[in-house]
Amino acid sequence: MASQLTQSKNAVLEPVVKYRLLNKILEDRATQYGDRQFLNFAGERTISYAALNETANRFANGLLELGLSKDSKVAIMLPNCPEYLFVLFGAAKIGAISVPINTAYKGPLLEHLLNNSDAELLVIDEQYLSGINEIQDSLGKLKTVLLYSEKGTSQPTLLGHRQTLRVDRLYESSTKKPEAEIAHTDTLMILYTGGTTGPSKGVVMSNHFYYFYAHLVSGSIGYTEDDVSYTCMPLFHINAQIGSIVSALYAGAQVALYRRFSASSFWDEIRSSGATVFLGMGAVGNILAKNPPSSADSNNRVRLAVIVPPPENLEQFEQRFGFRVIYETFGMTEGLIIPPKLYEPRRRGCCGKPIDDYQIRIVDDNDLPLPAREVGELVVRPKQPYTMMSGYYKMPEATLEAFRNLWFHTGDLGYLDDQGYLYYVGRKKDAIRRRGENISAYEIESVVNQHASVLESAAIAVPSELGEDDVKIVVVLRPGAQLSPEELIRFCEPRMAYFMVPRYVEFHTGLPKNPSQRIEKYKLREEGNTENTWDRVLQGLELTR
């Protein structure tokens, strides 16, 4: 059964004002915990704190031998594996800058990312190599490629004249700590946004920002030495990297890292790893909730899960699986505005109260502040230096646009109540304007997903012949379920304002997603209406107002 929610006295907490480096956190914990297990990879490999630090030293020295130095860019295009962490920590030890790459990227977007980041070295799994070969003539700054494969296959040929080696070479370097002058203000990572609306922007993360993010998550979740943090989210995403791994490292906890999310194996992995905490995102919560009930559902050690957005029937989900779920949080790659709040009273639809480290406003289209409970764009600015991103790499116009009028514009719509609690309404660019009404795609999806036959959905705007937009809902049904468009509309009708009820309905077998499980709505918008789109107006289905 899941353990009780407790805050142990052995949690490692330090003042946030103390500037820290990622490599220093690892070295401190390696000294403190030594041969104590830190990482369990898929039940196949275990790595201690000391071994992680030692191997990071090997990788750091190996990178130096390949000609890299402080501020060199190291692109990482790997699946979840320990080598990902070895490269990440190894680069941090010499002041090199890691550039995690979404493994689904290919073609012009991948070319843009590698060139925009100035990557000199690429660590890549062989399974993604064909995508590099297709664009290799356009990669002017890439000098060296390190190949990785779990199977250890023979070295494939990479087109061009680049130095091509195997990652295994880095294991041969010295375990001695490399000498490097690194400041908390130095860039640690360029982490690219999800690219769900266009070319990705590189978020420049300083050492202290990365540390600050981990500090907030570790303290808010209450990670302790007794915890096992489970993640199957991709390591190129901040959720897995900081929320599940570096935050656990910070607290002296253990990590169970798995290759990918699978609904069929998820609970087996949770039980076998002894996980006590996990973070989920995207459709993970609803997918788990809609799995057939099992007598083993509550047979786990999990005390806490952070799931954003939460399952539709949250209380039933908690009772079924035997642990508490936190969904009250708000953050992005650019900054963590509201970390998960362990003991805060639950308010449905609320993200929580922003922390004191930031100033928060809700503004209109002219950046003028709005009163409580009025919907506008969330803007933010830090009170302390290096507690948000330093900008978008080599994109000064995008950086200035984001920070216009001295506030960072999140692109998210929401409102603050009279007590200062933030309520999320939806993405500003996902907002649909119909008949003079602003409609949140998030709110439409929340209703549609409540239907027992629906696994997940995405609401998008499609052009209306009357101007502005009409609403289309793209729906994925649960396996074996049946649902007609008419039934879905009648389900929506009493549950949302009439102007929010979709005009168009289309059933898909799956929604386009990036590896972080975020729906790529821009693909659905590009698709528009098709021959499979059902139109309630053409069908003569009238709504009751």
Protein backbone atom coordinates (compact mmCIF):
# COMPACT_ATOMS: atom_id res chain seq x y z
CA MET A 1 0.00 0.00 0.00
CA ALA A 2 1.11 3.57 -0.55
CA SER A 3 2.93 5.05 2.42
CA GLN A 4 1.67 7.98 4.43
CA LEU A 5 2.55 11.47 3.24
CA THR A 6 5.34 12.57 5.58
CA GLN A 7 8.17 15.05 5.61
CA SER A 8 11.30 13.35 6.93
CA LYS A 9 13.91 15.24 8.92
CA ASN A 10 16.70 14.02 6.67
CA ALA A 11 15.71 16.10 3.64
CA VAL A 12 18.70 18.01 2.29
CA LEU A 13 17.66 21.67 2.14
CA GLU A 14 19.89 24.67 1.57
CA PRO A 15 19.26 28.42 1.30
CA VAL A 16 18.12 29.40 -2.18
CA VAL A 17 20.29 32.52 -2.00
CA LYS A 18 23.40 30.35 -2.01
CA TYR A 19 24.68 30.23 -5.57
CA ARG A 20 25.38 26.69 -6.72
CA LEU A 21 26.71 24.76 -9.68
CA LEU A 22 25.31 21.49 -11.01
CA ASN A 23 28.70 19.78 -10.85
CA LYS A 24 29.13 20.97 -7.23
CA ILE A 25 25.81 19.40 -6.21
CA LEU A 26 26.91 16.06 -7.68
CA GLU A 27 30.33 16.21 -6.02
CA ASP A 28 28.83 17.09 -2.63
CA ARG A 29 26.33 14.24 -2.78
CA ALA A 30 28.97 11.76 -3.97
CA THR A 31 31.09 12.67 -0.94
CA GLN A 32 28.07 12.46 1.34
CA TYR A 33 26.53 9.19 0.09
CA GLY A 34 29.42 7.36 -1.61
CA ASP A 35 28.44 3.86 -2.71
CA ARG A 36 24.77 4.33 -1.88
CA GLN A 37 22.61 3.60 -4.93
CA PHE A 38 21.44 6.64 -6.85
CA LEU A 39 20.16 5.34 -10.19
CA ASN A 40 18.23 2.23 -11.17
CA PHE A 41 17.91 2.10 -14.93
CA ALA A 42 14.95 -0.02 -16.04
CA GLY A 43 15.82 -2.71 -13.48
CA GLU A 44 18.92 -3.54 -15.56
CA ARG A 45 21.72 -1.25 -14.29
CA THR A 46 22.37 0.36 -10.92
CA ILE A 47 24.75 3.27 -10.34
CA SER A 48 25.89 4.72 -7.04
CA TYR A 49 26.42 8.37 -6.19
CA ALA A 50 30.18 7.86 -6.25
CA ALA A 51 30.08 5.97 -9.56
CA LEU A 52 27.97 8.70 -11.17
CA ASN A 53 30.50 11.34 -10.13
CA GLU A 54 33.47 9.21 -11.20
CA THR A 55 31.97 8.45 -14.60
CA ALA A 56 31.04 12.11 -15.07
CA ASN A 57 34.72 12.91 -14.50
CA ARG A 58 35.69 10.38 -17.18
CA PHE A 59 33.25 11.91 -19.64
CA ALA A 60 34.41 15.44 -18.76
CA ASN A 61 38.04 14.56 -19.40
CA GLY A 62 37.09 12.69 -22.55
CA LEU A 63 35.33 15.78 -23.89
CA LEU A 64 38.42 17.85 -23.14
CA GLU A 65 40.55 15.35 -25.07
CA LEU A 66 38.23 15.78 -28.05
CA GLY A 67 38.96 19.49 -28.08
CA LEU A 68 35.97 20.83 -26.18
CA SER A 69 36.29 23.50 -23.51
CA LYS A 70 34.24 26.00 -21.56
CA ASP A 71 31.23 27.28 -23.54
CA SER A 72 31.55 24.56 -26.21
CA LYS A 73 28.13 23.24 -27.19
CA VAL A 74 27.42 19.51 -26.74
CA ALA A 75 24.20 18.36 -28.42
CA ILE A 76 22.58 15.23 -26.94
CA MET A 77 20.17 13.13 -28.98
CA LEU A 78 19.76 10.01 -26.89
CA PRO A 79 16.90 7.95 -25.52
CA ASN A 80 16.63 7.63 -21.76
CA CYS A 81 19.81 5.92 -20.57
CA PRO A 82 22.56 6.48 -17.95
CA GLU A 83 24.92 7.79 -20.64
CA TYR A 84 22.62 10.78 -21.03
CA LEU A 85 23.39 11.77 -17.44
CA PHE A 86 27.09 11.04 -17.82
CA VAL A 87 27.28 13.46 -20.76
CA LEU A 88 25.16 16.09 -18.99
CA PHE A 89 27.21 16.06 -15.78
CA GLY A 90 30.49 15.61 -17.65
CA ALA A 91 29.85 18.70 -19.75
CA ALA A 92 28.89 20.67 -16.61
CA LYS A 93 32.23 19.81 -15.00
CA ILE A 94 34.21 21.59 -17.74
CA GLY A 95 31.78 24.46 -18.32
CA ALA A 96 30.59 23.10 -21.67
CA ILE A 97 26.96 23.77 -22.55
CA SER A 98 24.57 20.85 -23.03
CA VAL A 99 21.95 21.05 -25.79
CA PRO A 100 19.32 18.33 -25.26
CA ILE A 101 17.50 17.49 -28.50
CA ASN A 102 13.98 16.20 -28.88
CA THR A 103 14.52 12.78 -30.45
CA ALA A 104 11.50 13.25 -32.73
CA TYR A 105 13.08 16.21 -34.51
CA LYS A 106 14.16 15.76 -38.10
CA GLY A 107 14.58 17.73 -41.29
CA PRO A 108 14.54 21.56 -41.20
CA LEU A 109 13.66 21.75 -37.50
CA LEU A 110 16.59 19.53 -36.50
CA GLU A 111 18.85 21.48 -38.83
CA HIS A 112 17.68 24.74 -37.24
CA LEU A 113 18.33 23.48 -33.74
CA LEU A 114 21.85 22.19 -34.39
CA ASN A 115 22.89 25.29 -36.30
CA ASN A 116 21.18 27.75 -33.98
CA SER A 117 22.85 26.19 -30.94
CA ASP A 118 26.36 26.20 -32.52
CA ALA A 119 26.77 22.55 -31.54
CA GLU A 120 30.36 21.35 -32.05
CA LEU A 121 29.82 17.80 -30.83
CA LEU A 122 26.77 15.57 -31.12
CA VAL A 123 26.15 12.52 -28.95
CA ILE A 124 23.54 10.49 -30.80
CA ASP A 125 21.90 7.09 -30.73
CA GLU A 126 22.36 5.16 -33.95
CA GLN A 127 18.60 4.91 -34.45
CA TYR A 128 18.45 8.67 -35.10
CA LEU A 129 21.50 8.83 -37.37
CA SER A 130 19.58 8.75 -40.64
CA GLY A 131 18.00 12.09 -39.75
CA ILE A 132 21.47 13.61 -39.36
CA ASN A 133 22.73 12.14 -42.61
CA GLU A 134 19.86 13.81 -44.48
CA ILE A 135 20.93 17.28 -43.32
CA GLN A 136 24.68 16.75 -42.74
CA ASP A 137 25.72 19.06 -45.59
CA SER A 138 23.99 21.97 -43.81
CA LEU A 139 25.67 21.48 -40.43
CA GLY A 140 28.64 23.77 -40.76
CA LYS A 141 29.79 23.91 -37.13
CA LEU A 142 29.37 20.27 -36.15
CA LYS A 143 32.85 18.72 -35.92
CA THR A 144 32.51 15.46 -33.97
CA VAL A 145 29.84 12.78 -33.62
CA LEU A 146 29.82 10.27 -30.75
CA LEU A 147 27.68 7.23 -31.50
CA TYR A 148 25.73 5.31 -28.88
CA SER A 149 23.83 2.05 -29.06
CA GLU A 150 22.57 -0.21 -26.32
CA LYS A 151 23.26 -3.16 -28.60
CA GLY A 152 26.84 -2.08 -29.30
CA THR A 153 26.48 -2.62 -33.04
CA SER A 154 29.29 -1.99 -35.49
CA GLN A 155 30.15 1.61 -36.21
CA PRO A 156 28.01 2.91 -39.09
CA THR A 157 29.35 5.32 -41.66
CA LEU A 158 28.50 8.98 -41.21
CA LEU A 159 28.57 11.01 -44.38
CA GLY A 160 30.93 13.96 -44.57
CA HIS A 161 34.36 14.50 -43.04
CA ARG A 162 33.43 14.70 -39.37
CA GLN A 163 35.25 12.79 -36.68
CA THR A 164 33.02 9.83 -35.82
CA LEU A 165 33.68 7.85 -32.65
CA ARG A 166 31.81 5.71 -30.17
CA VAL A 167 30.62 7.02 -26.81
CA ASP A 168 32.51 4.13 -25.21
CA ARG A 169 35.72 6.05 -25.83
CA LEU A 170 34.81 8.47 -23.02
CA TYR A 171 34.90 5.65 -20.45
CA GLU A 172 38.64 5.31 -21.09
CA SER A 173 39.51 8.79 -19.77
CA SER A 174 40.79 9.72 -16.32
CA THR A 175 38.57 9.74 -13.22
CA LYS A 176 40.41 12.79 -11.91
CA LYS A 177 38.28 15.88 -11.40
CA PRO A 178 38.97 18.27 -14.29
CA GLU A 179 40.17 21.79 -13.60
CA ALA A 180 37.69 24.44 -14.74
CA GLU A 181 36.71 27.93 -13.67
CA ILE A 182 32.91 27.99 -13.64
CA ALA A 183 30.65 30.70 -12.22
CA HIS A 184 26.99 30.44 -11.24
CA THR A 185 26.23 32.98 -13.99
CA ASP A 186 27.75 30.77 -16.70
CA THR A 187 25.40 29.02 -19.09
CA LEU A 188 24.84 25.36 -18.23
CA MET A 189 22.33 24.39 -20.88
CA ILE A 190 20.37 25.54 -23.89
CA LEU A 191 17.06 23.72 -23.58
CA TYR A 192 14.78 24.07 -26.57
CA THR A 193 11.05 24.59 -26.22
CA GLY A 194 8.69 21.88 -27.40
CA GLY A 195 8.17 23.33 -30.86
CA THR A 196 4.42 22.72 -30.87
CA THR A 197 3.76 26.07 -32.58
CA GLY A 198 6.80 26.43 -34.83
CA PRO A 199 10.60 26.40 -34.73
CA SER A 200 11.97 25.81 -31.26
CA LYS A 201 13.63 28.58 -29.25
CA GLY A 202 16.71 27.81 -27.17
CA VAL A 203 16.15 28.72 -23.52
CA VAL A 204 19.49 29.78 -22.01
CA MET A 205 19.77 28.32 -18.50
CA SER A 206 22.51 29.46 -16.14
CA ASN A 207 23.98 27.17 -13.50
CA HIS A 208 22.14 29.01 -10.77
CA PHE A 209 18.80 28.96 -12.59
CA TYR A 210 19.10 25.20 -12.99
CA TYR A 211 20.00 24.85 -9.31
CA PHE A 212 17.18 27.20 -8.26
CA TYR A 213 14.63 25.16 -10.23
CA ALA A 214 15.80 21.92 -8.59
CA HIS A 215 15.83 23.54 -5.15
CA LEU A 216 12.20 24.65 -5.52
CA VAL A 217 10.94 21.30 -6.78
CA SER A 218 12.86 19.25 -4.23
CA GLY A 219 11.60 21.31 -1.31
CA SER A 220 8.02 21.61 -2.52
CA ILE A 221 7.62 17.88 -3.22
CA GLY A 222 9.42 17.07 0.01
CA TYR A 223 11.99 14.70 -1.49
CA THR A 224 13.96 12.88 1.22
CA GLU A 225 16.67 10.22 1.41
CA ASP A 226 13.88 7.64 1.70
CA ASP A 227 12.29 8.50 -1.65
CA VAL A 228 12.58 6.75 -4.99
CA SER A 229 11.74 9.14 -7.83
CA TYR A 230 10.35 7.35 -10.88
CA THR A 231 10.40 8.83 -14.37
CA CYS A 232 9.75 7.54 -17.86
CA MET A 233 9.49 11.03 -19.35
CA PRO A 234 12.17 11.89 -21.95
CA LEU A 235 15.39 13.36 -20.58
CA PHE A 236 15.44 16.18 -23.10
CA HIS A 237 12.50 17.63 -21.14
CA ILE A 238 12.82 19.69 -17.98
CA ASN A 239 10.17 17.56 -16.25
CA ALA A 240 12.38 14.48 -16.15
CA GLN A 241 15.72 16.24 -15.94
CA ILE A 242 15.07 18.60 -13.05
CA GLY A 243 11.73 17.52 -11.58
CA SER A 244 12.55 13.84 -11.25
CA ILE A 245 16.35 13.47 -11.33
CA VAL A 246 18.31 16.55 -10.25
CA SER A 247 15.75 17.39 -7.56
CA ALA A 248 16.13 13.86 -6.20
CA LEU A 249 19.92 14.16 -6.38
CA TYR A 250 19.68 17.43 -4.46
CA ALA A 251 17.79 15.67 -1.63
CA GLY A 252 19.87 12.49 -1.51
CA ALA A 253 17.03 10.36 -2.90
CA GLN A 254 17.16 7.55 -5.46
CA VAL A 255 15.97 7.61 -9.07
CA ALA A 256 14.26 4.91 -11.14
CA LEU A 257 14.72 5.80 -14.79
CA TYR A 258 12.81 3.95 -17.52
CA ARG A 259 12.94 4.22 -21.29
CA ARG A 260 9.47 5.53 -22.12
CA PHE A 261 5.87 5.71 -20.94
CA SER A 262 3.78 2.60 -21.50
CA ALA A 263 0.35 2.26 -19.94
CA SER A 264 0.63 -1.54 -19.97
CA SER A 265 3.94 -1.67 -18.04
CA PHE A 266 3.73 1.52 -15.96
CA TRP A 267 2.46 0.00 -12.71
CA ASP A 268 4.77 -3.01 -12.94
CA GLU A 269 7.70 -0.56 -13.19
CA ILE A 270 6.37 1.49 -10.28
CA ARG A 271 6.09 -1.61 -8.07
CA SER A 272 9.36 -3.27 -9.05
CA SER A 273 11.36 -0.06 -8.60
CA GLY A 274 9.81 0.74 -5.22
CA ALA A 275 8.88 4.22 -6.47
CA THR A 276 7.48 6.65 -3.92
CA VAL A 277 7.12 9.74 -6.18
CA PHE A 278 6.45 10.22 -9.87
CA LEU A 279 5.73 13.16 -12.15
CA GLY A 280 3.32 12.82 -15.06
CA MET A 281 2.31 15.23 -17.78
CA GLY A 282 0.12 15.48 -20.83
CA ALA A 283 -2.44 12.70 -21.13
CA VAL A 284 -0.68 10.35 -18.69
CA GLY A 285 -3.15 10.89 -15.85
CA ASN A 286 -6.28 10.22 -17.91
CA ILE A 287 -4.69 7.24 -19.67
CA LEU A 288 -3.89 5.64 -16.31
CA ALA A 289 -7.34 6.48 -14.97
CA LYS A 290 -9.07 4.84 -17.92
CA ASN A 291 -7.14 1.58 -17.67
CA PRO A 292 -9.39 -1.28 -16.51
CA PRO A 293 -9.47 -1.50 -12.67
CA SER A 294 -7.29 -4.15 -11.05
CA SER A 295 -7.06 -5.61 -7.57
CA ALA A 296 -3.38 -4.62 -7.63
CA ASP A 297 -4.05 -0.92 -8.24
CA SER A 298 -3.22 0.16 -4.70
CA ASN A 299 -0.29 -2.25 -4.38
CA ASN A 300 2.44 0.38 -4.61
CA ARG A 301 4.72 2.48 -2.39
CA VAL A 302 3.85 5.79 -4.05
CA ARG A 303 3.11 8.57 -1.59
CA LEU A 304 2.80 11.40 -4.07
CA ALA A 305 2.30 12.03 -7.78
CA VAL A 306 2.46 15.35 -9.59
CA ILE A 307 0.13 15.04 -12.59
CA VAL A 308 -0.60 18.01 -14.84
CA PRO A 309 -3.33 18.16 -15.98
CA PRO A 310 -4.98 15.93 -13.35
CA PRO A 311 -7.25 12.96 -14.11
CA GLU A 312 -10.87 13.96 -14.65
CA ASN A 313 -12.14 12.21 -11.49
CA LEU A 314 -9.25 13.09 -9.22
CA GLU A 315 -10.66 11.87 -5.91
CA GLN A 316 -11.65 8.51 -7.37
CA PHE A 317 -8.16 8.21 -8.92
CA GLU A 318 -6.52 8.84 -5.53
CA GLN A 319 -8.72 6.32 -3.76
CA ARG A 320 -8.14 3.70 -6.44
CA PHE A 321 -4.35 3.92 -6.42
CA GLY A 322 -3.81 4.93 -2.81
CA PHE A 323 -1.75 8.12 -2.99
CA ARG A 324 -2.12 11.89 -3.15
CA VAL A 325 -2.04 13.74 -6.46
CA ILE A 326 -0.78 17.31 -6.80
CA TYR A 327 -1.76 19.30 -9.87
CA GLU A 328 -1.48 22.79 -8.40
CA THR A 329 1.65 24.05 -10.16
CA PHE A 330 2.64 26.39 -12.95
CA GLY A 331 5.94 26.47 -14.74
CA MET A 332 7.68 26.39 -18.08
CA THR A 333 11.18 25.87 -19.36
CA GLU A 334 11.77 29.60 -18.92
CA GLY A 335 10.94 29.62 -15.20
CA LEU A 336 9.08 27.89 -12.36
CA ILE A 337 6.44 30.31 -11.11
CA ILE A 338 4.51 27.97 -8.82
CA PRO A 339 6.21 24.77 -7.64
CA PRO A 340 3.95 21.89 -6.53
CA LYS A 341 2.51 22.67 -3.10
CA LEU A 342 2.52 19.64 -0.81
CA TYR A 343 0.07 20.82 1.83
CA GLU A 344 -1.84 23.65 0.18
CA PRO A 345 -5.66 23.35 0.28
CA ARG A 346 -6.97 22.05 -3.01
CA ARG A 347 -8.85 24.42 -5.29
CA ARG A 348 -10.13 22.79 -8.47
CA GLY A 349 -8.77 24.52 -11.54
CA CYS A 350 -6.26 26.48 -9.48
CA CYS A 351 -2.49 26.43 -10.10
CA GLY A 352 -1.72 27.67 -6.59
CA LYS A 353 -0.24 30.89 -5.29
CA PRO A 354 2.89 32.26 -7.04
CA ILE A 355 6.00 32.18 -4.87
CA ASP A 356 7.51 35.37 -3.47
CA ASP A 357 10.58 35.09 -5.71
CA TYR A 358 8.57 36.52 -8.62
CA GLN A 359 6.30 39.46 -9.36
CA ILE A 360 3.11 38.43 -11.13
CA ARG A 361 0.51 40.32 -13.14
CA ILE A 362 -2.49 39.57 -15.32
CA VAL A 363 -2.56 42.04 -18.18
CA ASP A 364 -4.67 42.94 -21.21
CA ASP A 365 -3.44 43.16 -24.80
CA ASN A 366 -1.87 46.54 -24.03
CA ASP A 367 0.02 45.15 -21.00
CA LEU A 368 -2.19 47.08 -18.59
CA PRO A 369 -2.90 45.21 -15.31
CA LEU A 370 -6.34 43.69 -14.90
CA PRO A 371 -8.35 43.41 -11.65
CA ALA A 372 -8.90 40.17 -9.77
CA ARG A 373 -10.91 37.48 -11.56
CA GLU A 374 -10.55 39.10 -14.97
CA VAL A 375 -8.89 36.91 -17.60
CA GLY A 376 -5.74 38.13 -19.33
CA GLU A 377 -2.17 37.09 -20.07
CA LEU A 378 0.11 36.05 -17.22
CA VAL A 379 3.32 38.08 -17.10
CA VAL A 380 6.14 37.64 -14.62
CA ARG A 381 9.55 38.95 -13.60
CA PRO A 382 12.07 37.65 -11.05
CA LYS A 383 13.09 39.45 -7.87
CA GLN A 384 16.50 37.76 -7.75
CA PRO A 385 19.05 37.47 -10.59
CA TYR A 386 19.49 34.22 -12.49
CA THR A 387 16.22 32.68 -11.29
CA MET A 388 14.71 32.66 -14.78
CA MET A 389 16.13 32.02 -18.20
CA SER A 390 18.83 34.38 -19.45
CA GLY A 391 17.12 34.73 -22.85
CA TYR A 392 16.58 32.83 -26.09
CA TYR A 393 19.90 31.84 -27.64
CA LYS A 394 20.83 33.93 -30.68
CA MET A 395 17.25 35.21 -30.86
CA PRO A 396 17.45 38.79 -29.53
CA GLU A 397 14.17 39.81 -31.17
CA ALA A 398 12.30 36.89 -29.62
CA THR A 399 13.90 37.64 -26.24
CA LEU A 400 12.90 41.31 -26.40
CA GLU A 401 9.40 40.39 -27.50
CA ALA A 402 9.02 37.95 -24.60
CA PHE A 403 10.36 40.52 -22.09
CA ARG A 404 8.60 43.54 -23.57
CA ASN A 405 7.76 46.31 -21.12
CA LEU A 406 10.14 44.63 -18.63
CA TRP A 407 7.82 41.66 -18.01
CA PHE A 408 8.21 38.13 -19.32
CA HIS A 409 5.08 37.21 -21.30
CA THR A 410 4.14 33.58 -20.75
CA GLY A 411 1.58 33.35 -23.55
CA ASP A 412 -0.83 31.81 -21.04
CA LEU A 413 -4.27 33.13 -20.16
CA GLY A 414 -5.46 33.09 -16.57
CA TYR A 415 -6.72 35.15 -13.68
CA LEU A 416 -5.89 35.82 -10.06
CA ASP A 417 -8.56 35.60 -7.39
CA ASP A 418 -8.92 38.01 -4.48
CA GLN A 419 -6.37 36.01 -2.44
CA GLY A 420 -3.72 35.95 -5.17
CA TYR A 421 -4.28 32.36 -6.35
CA LEU A 422 -3.70 31.75 -10.06
CA TYR A 423 -6.27 30.02 -12.24
CA TYR A 424 -5.20 28.76 -15.66
CA VAL A 425 -7.57 29.30 -18.59
CA GLY A 426 -5.49 28.20 -21.59
CA ARG A 427 -2.80 29.15 -24.04
CA LYS A 428 -3.36 32.57 -25.54
CA LYS A 429 -2.69 31.23 -29.03
CA ASP A 430 -5.03 28.30 -28.34
CA ALA A 431 -7.87 30.65 -27.48
CA ILE A 432 -10.72 30.46 -29.99
CA ARG A 433 -12.76 33.55 -30.85
CA ARG A 434 -16.29 32.78 -31.98
CA ARG A 435 -19.13 35.23 -32.38
CA GLY A 436 -17.25 37.80 -30.29
CA GLU A 437 -16.60 35.33 -27.46
CA ASN A 438 -13.14 34.21 -26.38
CA ILE A 439 -13.17 30.45 -25.81
CA SER A 440 -10.52 28.37 -24.08
CA ALA A 441 -9.59 25.14 -25.85
CA TYR A 442 -8.58 23.77 -22.43
CA GLU A 443 -12.10 24.23 -21.08
CA ILE A 444 -13.70 22.46 -24.05
CA GLU A 445 -11.32 19.53 -23.73
CA SER A 446 -11.95 19.27 -19.99
CA VAL A 447 -15.66 18.66 -20.66
CA VAL A 448 -15.21 16.30 -23.62
CA ASN A 449 -12.67 14.20 -21.72
CA GLN A 450 -15.26 13.55 -19.01
CA HIS A 451 -17.24 11.32 -21.39
CA ALA A 452 -16.72 7.68 -20.48
CA SER A 453 -15.96 6.72 -24.09
CA VAL A 454 -13.34 9.41 -24.64
CA LEU A 455 -9.66 8.73 -24.05
CA GLU A 456 -8.42 12.21 -24.99
CA SER A 457 -9.28 15.15 -27.21
CA ALA A 458 -7.99 18.38 -28.71
CA ALA A 459 -10.04 21.49 -29.45
CA ILE A 460 -8.84 23.76 -32.23
CA ALA A 461 -10.04 26.80 -34.15
CA VAL A 462 -11.03 26.44 -37.80
CA PRO A 463 -12.00 29.39 -40.01
CA SER A 464 -15.66 30.31 -40.03
CA GLU A 465 -17.48 31.46 -43.14
CA LEU A 466 -18.90 34.24 -40.95
CA GLY A 467 -15.48 35.45 -39.85
CA GLU A 468 -13.49 34.65 -36.71
CA ASP A 469 -13.50 30.94 -35.77
CA ASP A 470 -15.61 27.87 -35.39
CA VAL A 471 -14.77 25.12 -32.90
CA LYS A 472 -13.55 21.69 -33.94
CA ILE A 473 -12.97 18.85 -31.52
CA VAL A 474 -10.70 15.96 -32.48
CA VAL A 475 -11.46 12.90 -30.36
CA VAL A 476 -9.70 9.62 -29.58
CA LEU A 477 -12.00 6.96 -28.15
CA ARG A 478 -11.12 4.37 -25.55
CA PRO A 479 -10.35 0.92 -27.00
CA GLY A 480 -13.59 -0.82 -27.92
CA ALA A 481 -15.75 2.23 -27.19
CA GLN A 482 -18.32 3.65 -29.57
CA LEU A 483 -19.62 7.19 -29.73
CA SER A 484 -21.46 9.15 -32.40
CA PRO A 485 -20.90 12.85 -33.04
CA GLU A 486 -24.50 13.55 -32.10
CA GLU A 487 -24.10 11.82 -28.73
CA LEU A 488 -20.96 13.80 -28.00
CA ILE A 489 -22.63 17.12 -28.82
CA ARG A 490 -25.60 16.29 -26.61
CA PHE A 491 -23.16 15.40 -23.84
CA CYS A 492 -21.40 18.76 -24.22
CA GLU A 493 -24.55 20.85 -24.50
CA PRO A 494 -25.53 20.91 -20.82
CA ARG A 495 -21.94 21.14 -19.66
CA MET A 496 -20.67 24.23 -21.47
CA ALA A 497 -21.87 27.56 -22.83
CA TYR A 498 -23.66 27.17 -26.14
CA PHE A 499 -21.01 29.14 -28.00
CA MET A 500 -18.35 26.70 -26.79
CA VAL A 501 -20.08 23.56 -28.11
CA PRO A 502 -18.07 22.31 -31.11
CA ARG A 503 -19.52 22.67 -34.56
CA TYR A 504 -17.14 20.10 -36.01
CA VAL A 505 -16.29 16.63 -34.69
CA GLU A 506 -13.69 14.23 -36.03
CA PHE A 507 -12.58 10.91 -34.59
CA HIS A 508 -8.90 9.92 -34.80
CA THR A 509 -7.10 6.77 -33.73
CA GLY A 510 -4.47 8.95 -32.03
CA LEU A 511 -3.40 12.56 -31.64
CA PRO A 512 -0.07 13.86 -32.95
CA LYS A 513 2.30 14.32 -30.00
CA ASN A 514 5.90 15.10 -29.33
CA PRO A 515 7.88 12.67 -27.10
CA SER A 516 6.91 14.74 -24.06
CA GLN A 517 3.31 13.65 -24.73
CA ARG A 518 2.20 17.17 -25.59
CA ILE A 519 -0.39 17.38 -28.34
CA GLU A 520 0.95 19.09 -31.45
CA LYS A 521 -2.11 21.17 -32.19
CA TYR A 522 -0.46 23.05 -35.01
CA LYS A 523 -0.62 19.82 -37.04
CA LEU A 524 -4.35 19.53 -36.40
CA ARG A 525 -4.85 23.18 -37.36
CA GLU A 526 -2.89 22.67 -40.57
CA GLU A 527 -5.10 19.66 -41.36
CA GLY A 528 -8.28 21.68 -40.84
CA ASN A 529 -11.55 20.03 -41.81
CA THR A 530 -11.34 16.82 -43.83
CA GLU A 531 -13.75 14.44 -45.53
CA ASN A 532 -14.08 12.69 -42.16
CA THR A 533 -15.15 15.84 -40.32
CA TRP A 534 -18.73 15.84 -39.07
CA ASP A 535 -20.56 19.21 -39.20
CA ARG A 536 -23.52 19.66 -36.85
CA VAL A 537 -24.80 22.63 -38.88
CA LEU A 538 -24.99 20.57 -42.07
CA GLN A 539 -26.60 17.77 -40.09
CA GLY A 540 -29.30 20.14 -38.82
CA LEU A 541 -28.48 19.57 -35.15
CA GLU A 542 -29.66 22.65 -33.25
CA LEU A 543 -28.47 23.67 -29.82
CA THR A 544 -30.60 24.74 -26.90
CA ARG A 545 -29.50 28.08 -25.51
